Protein backbone atom coordinates (compact mmCIF):
# COMPACT_ATOMS: atom_id res chain seq x y z
CA MET A 1 0.00 0.00 0.00
CA LYS A 2 1.38 3.39 -0.99
CA GLY A 3 1.23 6.43 1.24
CA LYS A 4 -0.06 9.65 -0.24
CA LEU A 5 0.47 13.21 0.96
CA SER A 6 -2.67 15.28 0.66
CA PRO A 7 -2.42 17.99 -2.03
CA GLU A 8 -4.39 20.22 0.36
CA SER A 9 -1.50 20.37 2.79
CA GLN A 10 0.97 23.21 2.26
CA LEU A 11 3.47 22.25 4.96
CA VAL A 12 5.49 19.05 4.83
CA ILE A 13 7.72 18.06 7.73
CA VAL A 14 10.61 15.66 7.10
CA HIS A 15 12.58 13.74 9.73
CA ALA A 16 15.60 12.22 7.98
CA ASP A 17 18.61 10.11 8.91
CA GLU A 18 21.32 8.08 7.24
CA SER A 19 23.40 5.01 7.97
CA CYS A 20 26.57 3.40 6.72
CA LEU A 21 27.38 -0.05 8.08
CA GLY A 22 31.04 -0.29 9.08
CA ASN A 23 31.56 3.33 8.05
CA GLN A 24 34.99 3.48 9.72
CA ASN A 25 36.27 0.32 8.04
CA ALA A 26 38.18 0.07 4.80
CA GLY A 27 36.49 -1.50 1.80
CA PRO A 28 32.96 -1.32 0.41
CA ASN A 29 30.37 -0.34 3.01
CA PRO A 30 26.61 -0.59 2.42
CA GLY A 31 24.47 2.31 3.51
CA GLY A 32 20.94 3.62 3.64
CA ALA A 33 18.90 6.77 4.11
CA GLY A 34 15.43 7.02 5.57
CA ALA A 35 12.80 9.64 6.31
CA LEU A 36 9.44 10.02 7.97
CA VAL A 37 7.38 12.52 5.96
CA GLU A 38 4.42 14.24 7.60
CA SER A 39 1.64 16.51 6.35
CA ALA A 40 -1.81 17.53 7.59
CA ALA A 41 -5.22 17.73 5.97
CA ASP A 42 -8.81 17.59 7.24
CA GLY A 43 -7.66 17.72 10.84
CA SER A 44 -5.42 14.65 10.71
CA VAL A 45 -1.74 13.95 10.10
CA THR A 46 -0.65 11.80 7.16
CA ARG A 47 2.66 9.96 7.48
CA CYS A 48 4.72 8.32 4.75
CA ASP A 49 8.01 6.43 4.76
CA PHE A 50 10.88 6.96 2.36
CA TYR A 51 14.14 5.02 2.17
CA LEU A 52 16.89 4.07 -0.24
CA SER A 53 20.22 2.27 -0.12
CA SER A 54 23.63 1.92 -1.74
CA SER A 55 26.04 -1.00 -1.69
CA VAL A 56 29.16 1.21 -1.51
CA THR A 57 28.88 4.56 0.25
CA THR A 58 29.53 6.74 3.31
CA ASN A 59 27.31 8.44 5.90
CA ASN A 60 27.80 11.81 4.22
CA ARG A 61 26.96 10.53 0.77
CA MET A 62 23.79 8.88 2.08
CA ALA A 63 22.69 12.09 3.81
CA LEU A 64 23.08 13.97 0.53
CA SER A 65 21.58 11.24 -1.66
CA GLY A 66 18.58 10.83 0.61
CA ALA A 67 17.87 14.57 0.60
CA ILE A 68 18.23 14.82 -3.18
CA GLU A 69 15.86 11.96 -3.98
CA LEU A 70 13.28 12.97 -1.38
CA LEU A 71 13.21 16.60 -2.52
CA LYS A 72 12.70 15.43 -6.10
CA LEU A 73 9.73 13.33 -4.98
CA LEU A 74 8.19 16.14 -2.95
CA ASP A 75 8.64 18.68 -5.73
CA ALA A 76 6.81 16.35 -8.12
CA SER A 77 4.05 15.27 -5.73
CA HIS A 78 3.65 18.37 -3.58
CA HIS A 79 4.89 21.29 -5.64
CA GLY A 80 4.56 24.65 -3.90
CA ALA A 81 4.56 23.30 -0.36
CA THR A 82 6.75 24.66 2.41
CA LEU A 83 9.20 21.99 3.58
CA ALA A 84 10.77 21.67 7.04
CA TYR A 85 13.67 19.23 6.71
CA HIS A 86 15.08 17.88 10.01
CA SER A 87 18.36 15.95 9.98
CA ASP A 88 21.01 15.00 12.53
CA SER A 89 23.71 15.42 9.85
CA GLN A 90 25.58 18.67 10.50
CA TYR A 91 27.44 17.99 7.26
CA LEU A 92 24.15 18.19 5.33
CA VAL A 93 22.53 21.09 7.20
CA LYS A 94 25.63 23.31 7.47
CA GLY A 95 26.60 22.47 3.93
CA ILE A 96 23.32 23.38 2.25
CA THR A 97 22.67 26.48 4.39
CA ASP A 98 26.21 27.93 4.39
CA TRP A 99 29.20 26.17 2.85
CA VAL A 100 27.72 25.48 -0.58
CA TYR A 101 27.31 29.17 -1.47
CA GLY A 102 30.97 29.92 -0.80
CA TRP A 103 32.01 26.89 -2.84
CA GLU A 104 29.82 28.04 -5.71
CA ARG A 105 31.29 31.57 -5.65
CA ARG A 106 34.80 30.11 -5.79
CA GLY A 107 34.00 27.94 -8.80
CA TRP A 108 33.15 24.91 -6.66
CA ARG A 109 36.40 24.92 -4.76
CA ARG A 110 36.99 24.89 -1.02
CA LYS A 111 39.59 27.21 0.46
CA GLY A 112 41.54 24.08 1.23
CA GLY A 113 41.10 22.39 -2.15
CA ALA A 114 38.52 20.18 -3.86
CA VAL A 115 34.95 19.80 -2.60
CA GLU A 116 34.24 16.26 -1.44
CA ASN A 117 31.06 14.76 -2.93
CA LEU A 118 30.99 17.63 -5.41
CA GLU A 119 28.43 16.12 -7.79
CA LEU A 120 25.99 15.49 -4.96
CA TRP A 121 26.30 19.01 -3.54
CA GLN A 122 25.71 20.49 -6.99
CA GLU A 123 22.63 18.33 -7.52
CA LEU A 124 21.24 19.09 -4.05
CA LEU A 125 21.61 22.83 -4.61
CA GLN A 126 19.90 22.51 -7.99
CA VAL A 127 16.90 20.54 -6.72
CA SER A 128 16.48 22.65 -3.57
CA ARG A 129 16.58 26.10 -5.17
CA PRO A 130 13.05 26.05 -6.64
CA LEU A 131 11.63 24.84 -3.30
CA SER A 132 10.82 26.55 -0.02
CA VAL A 133 12.94 24.49 2.40
CA THR A 134 13.87 25.25 5.99
CA TRP A 135 16.78 23.06 7.08
CA ARG A 136 16.96 22.18 10.76
CA TRP A 137 19.65 20.24 12.61
CA VAL A 138 18.60 17.93 15.45
CA ARG A 139 20.94 16.05 17.75
CA GLY A 140 20.86 12.35 16.97
CA HIS A 141 20.58 9.43 19.38
CA VAL A 142 19.20 11.47 22.28
CA GLY A 143 15.65 10.12 22.28
CA HIS A 144 14.18 12.29 19.51
CA VAL A 145 11.43 9.84 18.56
CA LYS A 146 10.96 10.67 14.89
CA ASN A 147 14.70 10.90 14.31
CA GLU A 148 15.04 7.48 15.95
CA TYR A 149 12.43 6.14 13.53
CA ALA A 150 14.25 7.67 10.55
CA ASP A 151 17.42 5.99 11.83
CA HIS A 152 15.51 2.69 11.99
CA LEU A 153 14.46 3.12 8.34
CA ALA A 154 18.02 4.01 7.27
CA VAL A 155 19.66 1.09 9.07
CA SER A 156 17.06 -1.36 7.76
CA ALA A 157 17.55 -0.08 4.20
CA ALA A 158 21.33 -0.44 4.57
CA GLU A 159 21.07 -3.97 5.96
CA HIS A 160 18.58 -5.20 3.37
CA GLN A 161 19.66 -2.93 0.49
CA SER A 162 16.05 -1.93 0.04
CA PHE A 163 14.19 0.95 -1.60
CA SER A 164 10.75 2.34 -0.82
CA GLY A 165 10.13 3.15 -4.48
CA GLY A 166 8.68 6.53 -3.56
CA LEU A 167 6.58 7.50 -0.57
CA GLY A 168 5.15 4.41 1.10
CA ALA A 169 2.50 3.98 3.79
CA SER A 170 4.27 4.53 7.10
CA GLU A 171 4.99 1.88 9.72
CA PHE A 172 5.69 4.60 12.29
CA HIS A 173 2.73 3.88 14.57
CA ARG A 174 3.48 0.15 14.63
CA TRP A 175 7.15 0.86 15.41
CA LEU A 176 6.18 3.36 18.13
CA ALA A 177 3.77 0.91 19.74
CA HIS A 178 6.55 -1.70 19.83
CA GLN A 179 8.95 0.77 21.41
CA GLN A 180 6.38 1.77 24.02
CA SER A 181 5.72 -1.88 24.83
CA LYS A 182 9.37 -2.01 25.89
CA GLY A 183 8.94 1.01 28.16
CA LYS A 184 10.34 3.65 25.81
CA PHE A 185 8.74 6.98 24.85
CA SER A 186 5.92 6.65 27.38
CA GLY A 187 3.27 9.35 26.95
CA TYR A 188 4.70 10.57 23.66
CA ASP A 189 2.11 12.09 21.29
CA PRO A 190 3.39 12.33 17.69
CA ASP A 191 0.44 14.47 16.54
CA LEU A 192 1.04 17.00 19.32
CA GLU A 193 4.69 17.24 18.32
CA PHE A 194 3.64 17.77 14.70
CA GLN A 195 1.39 20.66 15.75
CA GLN A 196 4.24 22.20 17.75
CA LEU A 197 6.62 21.96 14.81
CA THR A 198 4.17 23.63 12.45
CA LYS A 199 3.93 26.76 14.59
CA GLY A 200 5.75 29.72 13.10
CA PHE A 201 5.57 28.56 9.48
CA THR A 202 3.84 30.68 6.89
CA THR A 203 2.73 28.35 4.13
CA THR A 204 1.92 29.15 0.55
CA ALA A 205 -1.70 29.50 -0.54
């Protein structure tokens, strides 16, 4: 069953994470990227899952690749929406909000030499420019529930080398119920958090 973001919703909130198995080891390392994608319509919150994988990669490359492919999907399916993109990758968030503009001015060169993952940075800048995206860094592995779920999607994609094939119906509530059955995240309300995150955004008509 495929998930579907309502075209009525003008704010889409993304919680994204990435994984690279054995990232510190030499040799080919499989990786994955995952995201929980939320929107609201008719008084309820719609959630979709997105994930992809690569057989040879790094954490940084997966953060960039995941953002590129997800933004392409959202531009096609939800053009004109305001996007709030949350990630625990400082490399991604600092890069796309700061570093990339200096690199571009210098002809895609760092002060210290070549730009690592150049082709991915160039593609991310290209796909993000037509969109209204607010990039937000969140600290990973500190109990941020939706970031933990995105990490779960990324690790699973890396382990199984799987792809969602677009935006799929989310397993978030099933995962959350399982976590709560083990005594984690007691009293957590994902819809309340969604409402809190939407405050302060001015969405397009």
